Amino acid sequence: MVLTAVRGALGFLSRLPVGHSERAWKAFVGTPVAFPLAGYVVGGLIALPFLAAGLLPAPVVAAAYLGSVVLVTGVNHADGLADLGDAAVVHGDPADRRNVMRDTTIGVGAVLALGTVLLALALAALAVAGLPPLVAVSLVLAAEVGAKLAMATLACVGRPSHEGFGATVIDGNGPRHLVGALAAALPAAVVAVPATAVAVLTGPLLALGLSGWADRRLGGVSGDAFGAANELTRAVALHAGVAAWSLFGGVWSVPLLDWGVLTWTLS
């Protein structure tokens, strides 16, 4: 059941040729833990350019990362961020803002939201490219798991604003389902602490703030809020992780075959 749900999550969260059956979709929308589990697959793929960190110039690695994000995840989540950006600058009640989100016209709010997040992501990628390669890969993976954990958080604590994807995913899920999602994200958090821990935790914290904002401004969480949570968390988590590593240093942990754990501090 969980594997089917993960396939369904990958079918929705990425451009990978899996999880497009009705069975996978139904399993996915009822299984919040599938979000962070799919994040490991997506994060592992988009983190590959950082294996060349230190070998290639940082701008080249960062550009390859941005390209991989688009190739692997597509533009679906960015579209949600754009719609939320337009809604954020509208004066009116929640119904007026939801109407703007359904409008296919691109407004200044969408341009500002997309431009700001893309710039933030590019700058974060440059900073990550300056880290040791394995730390960089671990942080990118953790940020992606955190981004998907943000979506799982919305699915578990959000209130739907109207019928649609948001209502479909939220229906039947509750705060108790978030425990499994948090547990699934734990391995990504402990690889290179504190950077990876901060990156993963950014997801649920940002989602809680976004959920409160959506309740006040939109009357609840919509599918666009899920996409925006993913894009915002990815950028913020990378910056937060780099800042944590720079300020506090880090510990790299690798499980060994004898069940011990080898830990050393990276300079």
Protein backbone atom coordinates (compact mmCIF):
# COMPACT_ATOMS: atom_id res chain seq x y z
CA MET A 1 0.00 0.00 0.00
CA VAL A 2 2.75 2.47 0.97
CA LEU A 3 4.83 1.62 -2.10
CA THR A 4 1.79 2.17 -4.29
CA ALA A 5 1.19 5.49 -2.56
CA VAL A 6 4.81 6.51 -3.14
CA ARG A 7 4.45 5.70 -6.83
CA GLY A 8 1.34 7.85 -6.90
CA ALA A 9 3.20 10.64 -5.12
CA LEU A 10 6.01 10.49 -7.67
CA GLY A 11 3.46 10.59 -10.44
CA PHE A 12 2.08 13.85 -9.08
CA LEU A 13 5.20 15.44 -7.59
CA SER A 14 7.58 14.72 -10.46
CA ARG A 15 7.81 14.08 -14.17
CA LEU A 16 9.01 10.52 -13.64
CA PRO A 17 7.05 7.96 -15.70
CA VAL A 18 5.50 6.19 -12.72
CA GLY A 19 2.40 6.34 -10.56
CA HIS A 20 -0.15 7.52 -13.09
CA SER A 21 -2.72 4.79 -12.44
CA GLU A 22 -5.97 5.45 -10.59
CA ARG A 23 -4.94 2.93 -7.92
CA ALA A 24 -1.69 4.76 -7.26
CA TRP A 25 -3.48 8.12 -7.12
CA LYS A 26 -6.04 6.90 -4.59
CA ALA A 27 -3.32 5.38 -2.42
CA PHE A 28 -1.29 8.59 -2.58
CA VAL A 29 -4.01 11.05 -1.52
CA GLY A 30 -4.82 8.94 1.54
CA THR A 31 -1.22 8.44 2.65
CA PRO A 32 0.60 11.61 3.84
CA VAL A 33 3.78 9.65 4.56
CA ALA A 34 4.14 9.19 0.80
CA PHE A 35 5.10 12.88 0.44
CA PRO A 36 8.47 12.73 2.28
CA LEU A 37 9.21 9.23 0.99
CA ALA A 38 8.86 10.53 -2.56
CA GLY A 39 11.07 13.43 -1.51
CA TYR A 40 14.00 11.02 -1.13
CA VAL A 41 13.69 9.98 -4.77
CA VAL A 42 13.23 13.49 -6.11
CA GLY A 43 15.91 14.92 -3.83
CA GLY A 44 18.41 12.24 -4.74
CA LEU A 45 17.99 12.99 -8.44
CA ILE A 46 18.21 16.77 -8.25
CA ALA A 47 21.18 16.57 -5.84
CA LEU A 48 23.40 14.77 -8.36
CA PRO A 49 25.02 17.96 -9.74
CA PHE A 50 26.49 18.67 -6.31
CA LEU A 51 28.69 15.59 -6.56
CA ALA A 52 30.79 17.84 -8.79
CA ALA A 53 31.04 20.57 -6.13
CA GLY A 54 34.69 21.54 -5.85
CA LEU A 55 35.48 20.08 -9.28
CA LEU A 56 33.43 22.52 -11.32
CA PRO A 57 32.84 26.25 -10.73
CA ALA A 58 30.01 26.89 -8.28
CA PRO A 59 27.85 28.76 -10.86
CA VAL A 60 28.01 25.74 -13.19
CA VAL A 61 26.94 23.37 -10.41
CA ALA A 62 24.16 25.74 -9.32
CA ALA A 63 22.86 26.10 -12.89
CA ALA A 64 22.88 22.32 -13.33
CA TYR A 65 20.90 22.01 -10.10
CA LEU A 66 18.27 24.53 -11.23
CA GLY A 67 17.95 22.69 -14.52
CA SER A 68 17.54 19.36 -12.76
CA VAL A 69 14.79 20.78 -10.54
CA VAL A 70 12.80 21.77 -13.62
CA LEU A 71 13.52 18.53 -15.48
CA VAL A 72 12.57 16.29 -12.56
CA THR A 73 9.68 18.22 -10.98
CA GLY A 74 8.22 20.23 -13.87
CA VAL A 75 6.32 23.48 -13.38
CA ASN A 76 3.22 22.30 -11.53
CA HIS A 77 4.33 23.55 -8.11
CA ALA A 78 5.69 26.81 -9.53
CA ASP A 79 2.25 27.44 -11.00
CA GLY A 80 0.78 27.13 -7.49
CA LEU A 81 3.32 29.63 -6.19
CA ALA A 82 2.41 32.05 -8.98
CA ASP A 83 -1.31 31.78 -8.24
CA LEU A 84 -0.70 32.33 -4.53
CA GLY A 85 1.46 35.35 -5.34
CA ASP A 86 -1.38 36.92 -7.32
CA ALA A 87 -3.85 36.19 -4.51
CA ALA A 88 -1.54 37.75 -1.92
CA VAL A 89 -1.67 41.20 -3.54
CA VAL A 90 -5.43 41.30 -4.13
CA HIS A 91 -7.61 43.50 -1.95
CA GLY A 92 -10.87 41.79 -1.13
CA ASP A 93 -12.40 38.85 0.69
CA PRO A 94 -11.25 35.21 0.40
CA ALA A 95 -13.65 34.55 -2.46
CA ASP A 96 -12.14 37.41 -4.47
CA ARG A 97 -8.65 36.04 -3.91
CA ARG A 98 -9.69 32.52 -4.94
CA ASN A 99 -11.18 33.93 -8.13
CA VAL A 100 -7.86 35.58 -8.94
CA MET A 101 -6.08 32.27 -8.39
CA ARG A 102 -8.32 30.63 -10.99
CA ASP A 103 -7.59 33.39 -13.51
CA THR A 104 -5.03 32.30 -16.12
CA THR A 105 -3.66 35.85 -16.43
CA ILE A 106 -0.22 36.32 -14.87
CA GLY A 107 -0.20 39.32 -12.53
CA VAL A 108 2.53 41.29 -10.81
CA GLY A 109 2.12 39.20 -7.65
CA ALA A 110 2.90 36.02 -9.57
CA VAL A 111 5.93 37.56 -11.26
CA LEU A 112 7.26 38.86 -7.95
CA ALA A 113 6.70 35.55 -6.16
CA LEU A 114 8.30 33.43 -8.87
CA GLY A 115 11.18 35.84 -9.41
CA THR A 116 11.97 36.15 -5.71
CA VAL A 117 11.88 32.42 -5.03
CA LEU A 118 13.89 31.58 -8.15
CA LEU A 119 16.55 34.14 -7.20
CA ALA A 120 16.61 32.83 -3.64
CA LEU A 121 16.98 29.26 -4.92
CA ALA A 122 19.81 30.21 -7.28
CA LEU A 123 21.69 32.01 -4.51
CA ALA A 124 21.14 29.07 -2.17
CA ALA A 125 22.48 26.68 -4.81
CA LEU A 126 25.62 28.81 -5.13
CA ALA A 127 26.12 28.67 -1.37
CA VAL A 128 25.52 24.91 -1.23
CA ALA A 129 28.06 24.39 -4.03
CA GLY A 130 30.69 25.78 -1.69
CA LEU A 131 30.16 22.99 0.85
CA PRO A 132 31.93 19.62 0.82
CA PRO A 133 30.26 17.52 -1.91
CA LEU A 134 28.67 14.89 0.33
CA VAL A 135 27.40 17.55 2.72
CA ALA A 136 25.98 19.49 -0.23
CA VAL A 137 24.19 16.42 -1.56
CA SER A 138 22.83 15.60 1.90
CA LEU A 139 21.54 19.14 2.38
CA VAL A 140 19.80 19.22 -1.01
CA LEU A 141 18.20 15.85 -0.23
CA ALA A 142 17.09 17.07 3.20
CA ALA A 143 15.64 20.27 1.73
CA GLU A 144 13.60 18.27 -0.77
CA VAL A 145 12.35 15.89 1.91
CA GLY A 146 11.50 18.97 3.99
CA ALA A 147 9.60 20.48 1.06
CA LYS A 148 7.53 17.34 0.72
CA LEU A 149 7.07 17.22 4.50
CA ALA A 150 5.60 20.72 4.24
CA MET A 151 2.98 19.35 1.85
CA ALA A 152 2.29 16.43 4.17
CA THR A 153 1.82 18.91 7.03
CA LEU A 154 -0.78 20.82 5.03
CA ALA A 155 -2.54 17.53 4.27
CA CYS A 156 -2.69 16.71 7.98
CA VAL A 157 -3.49 20.06 9.60
CA GLY A 158 -4.94 22.16 6.79
CA ARG A 159 -8.55 23.14 6.24
CA PRO A 160 -9.66 23.04 2.58
CA SER A 161 -10.86 26.30 1.07
CA HIS A 162 -12.93 24.64 -1.66
CA GLU A 163 -13.33 21.41 -3.61
CA GLY A 164 -10.20 20.45 -5.50
CA PHE A 165 -6.82 18.86 -4.95
CA GLY A 166 -6.42 20.42 -1.51
CA ALA A 167 -9.74 19.05 -0.29
CA THR A 168 -9.01 15.63 -1.82
CA VAL A 169 -5.69 15.27 0.00
CA ILE A 170 -6.86 16.75 3.30
CA ASP A 171 -10.05 14.69 3.49
CA GLY A 172 -9.61 11.78 5.89
CA ASN A 173 -6.23 12.89 7.18
CA GLY A 174 -5.51 14.51 10.53
CA PRO A 175 -2.69 15.54 12.86
CA ARG A 176 -2.07 11.94 13.95
CA HIS A 177 -1.09 11.07 10.37
CA LEU A 178 1.70 13.64 10.56
CA VAL A 179 3.63 11.42 12.99
CA GLY A 180 4.38 8.89 10.26
CA ALA A 181 5.48 11.61 7.86
CA LEU A 182 7.83 13.09 10.45
CA ALA A 183 9.31 9.66 11.16
CA ALA A 184 9.86 9.06 7.46
CA ALA A 185 11.76 12.36 7.17
CA LEU A 186 14.01 11.64 10.18
CA PRO A 187 16.81 9.82 8.29
CA ALA A 188 17.30 12.85 6.02
CA ALA A 189 17.50 15.12 9.07
CA VAL A 190 20.34 13.30 10.85
CA VAL A 191 22.83 12.84 8.00
CA ALA A 192 24.78 16.08 8.45
CA VAL A 193 23.45 17.89 11.49
CA PRO A 194 22.63 20.64 12.21
CA ALA A 195 22.27 21.64 8.55
CA THR A 196 20.06 18.74 7.46
CA ALA A 197 17.96 18.86 10.62
CA VAL A 198 17.24 22.55 10.09
CA ALA A 199 16.40 21.92 6.43
CA VAL A 200 13.89 19.19 7.22
CA LEU A 201 12.26 21.09 10.09
CA THR A 202 11.80 24.13 7.85
CA GLY A 203 9.06 22.20 6.05
CA PRO A 204 6.47 21.75 8.81
CA LEU A 205 7.23 25.15 10.35
CA LEU A 206 6.70 26.96 7.05
CA ALA A 207 3.59 24.88 6.34
CA LEU A 208 2.01 25.83 9.67
CA GLY A 209 2.59 29.51 8.93
CA LEU A 210 1.26 29.18 5.39
CA SER A 211 -1.80 27.28 6.62
CA GLY A 212 -2.64 30.09 9.06
CA TRP A 213 -2.19 32.72 6.34
CA ALA A 214 -4.34 30.72 3.92
CA ASP A 215 -7.12 30.37 6.50
CA ARG A 216 -7.24 34.14 6.95
CA ARG A 217 -6.77 35.23 3.35
CA LEU A 218 -8.18 32.38 1.27
CA GLY A 219 -10.64 30.68 3.58
CA GLY A 220 -8.45 27.60 3.78
CA VAL A 221 -5.80 25.59 1.97
CA SER A 222 -6.01 24.96 -1.76
CA GLY A 223 -3.97 22.89 -4.18
CA ASP A 224 -2.00 26.03 -5.04
CA ALA A 225 -0.96 26.33 -1.40
CA PHE A 226 0.56 22.84 -1.60
CA GLY A 227 2.64 23.82 -4.62
CA ALA A 228 3.70 27.10 -3.02
CA ALA A 229 4.69 25.31 0.19
CA ASN A 230 6.96 23.01 -1.80
CA GLU A 231 8.71 25.82 -3.69
CA LEU A 232 9.08 28.11 -0.69
CA THR A 233 10.37 25.38 1.58
CA ARG A 234 13.00 24.20 -0.89
CA ALA A 235 14.58 27.68 -1.11
CA VAL A 236 14.25 28.58 2.56
CA ALA A 237 15.49 25.17 3.74
CA LEU A 238 18.67 25.42 1.66
CA HIS A 239 19.48 28.88 3.02
CA ALA A 240 18.69 27.79 6.57
CA GLY A 241 20.82 24.67 6.22
CA VAL A 242 23.82 26.56 4.82
CA ALA A 243 23.50 29.14 7.60
CA ALA A 244 23.38 26.42 10.26
CA TRP A 245 26.45 24.68 8.86
CA SER A 246 28.36 27.97 8.55
CA LEU A 247 27.50 29.21 12.04
CA PHE A 248 27.71 26.03 14.06
CA GLY A 249 29.81 23.63 12.01
CA GLY A 250 28.50 20.15 11.51
CA VAL A 251 28.72 16.47 12.25
CA TRP A 252 28.67 13.87 9.50
CA SER A 253 27.29 10.46 10.49
CA VAL A 254 27.67 7.28 8.45
CA PRO A 255 26.16 3.94 9.58
CA LEU A 256 28.70 1.10 9.45
CA LEU A 257 28.18 -2.58 8.73
CA ASP A 258 28.92 -3.49 12.35
CA TRP A 259 25.92 -1.36 13.43
CA GLY A 260 28.23 1.26 14.91
CA VAL A 261 28.21 4.86 13.85
CA LEU A 262 31.32 6.69 12.72
CA THR A 263 31.10 10.38 13.44
CA TRP A 264 33.62 13.06 12.72
CA THR A 265 33.59 16.85 12.47
CA LEU A 266 34.13 18.32 9.03
CA SER A 267 36.08 21.51 8.79
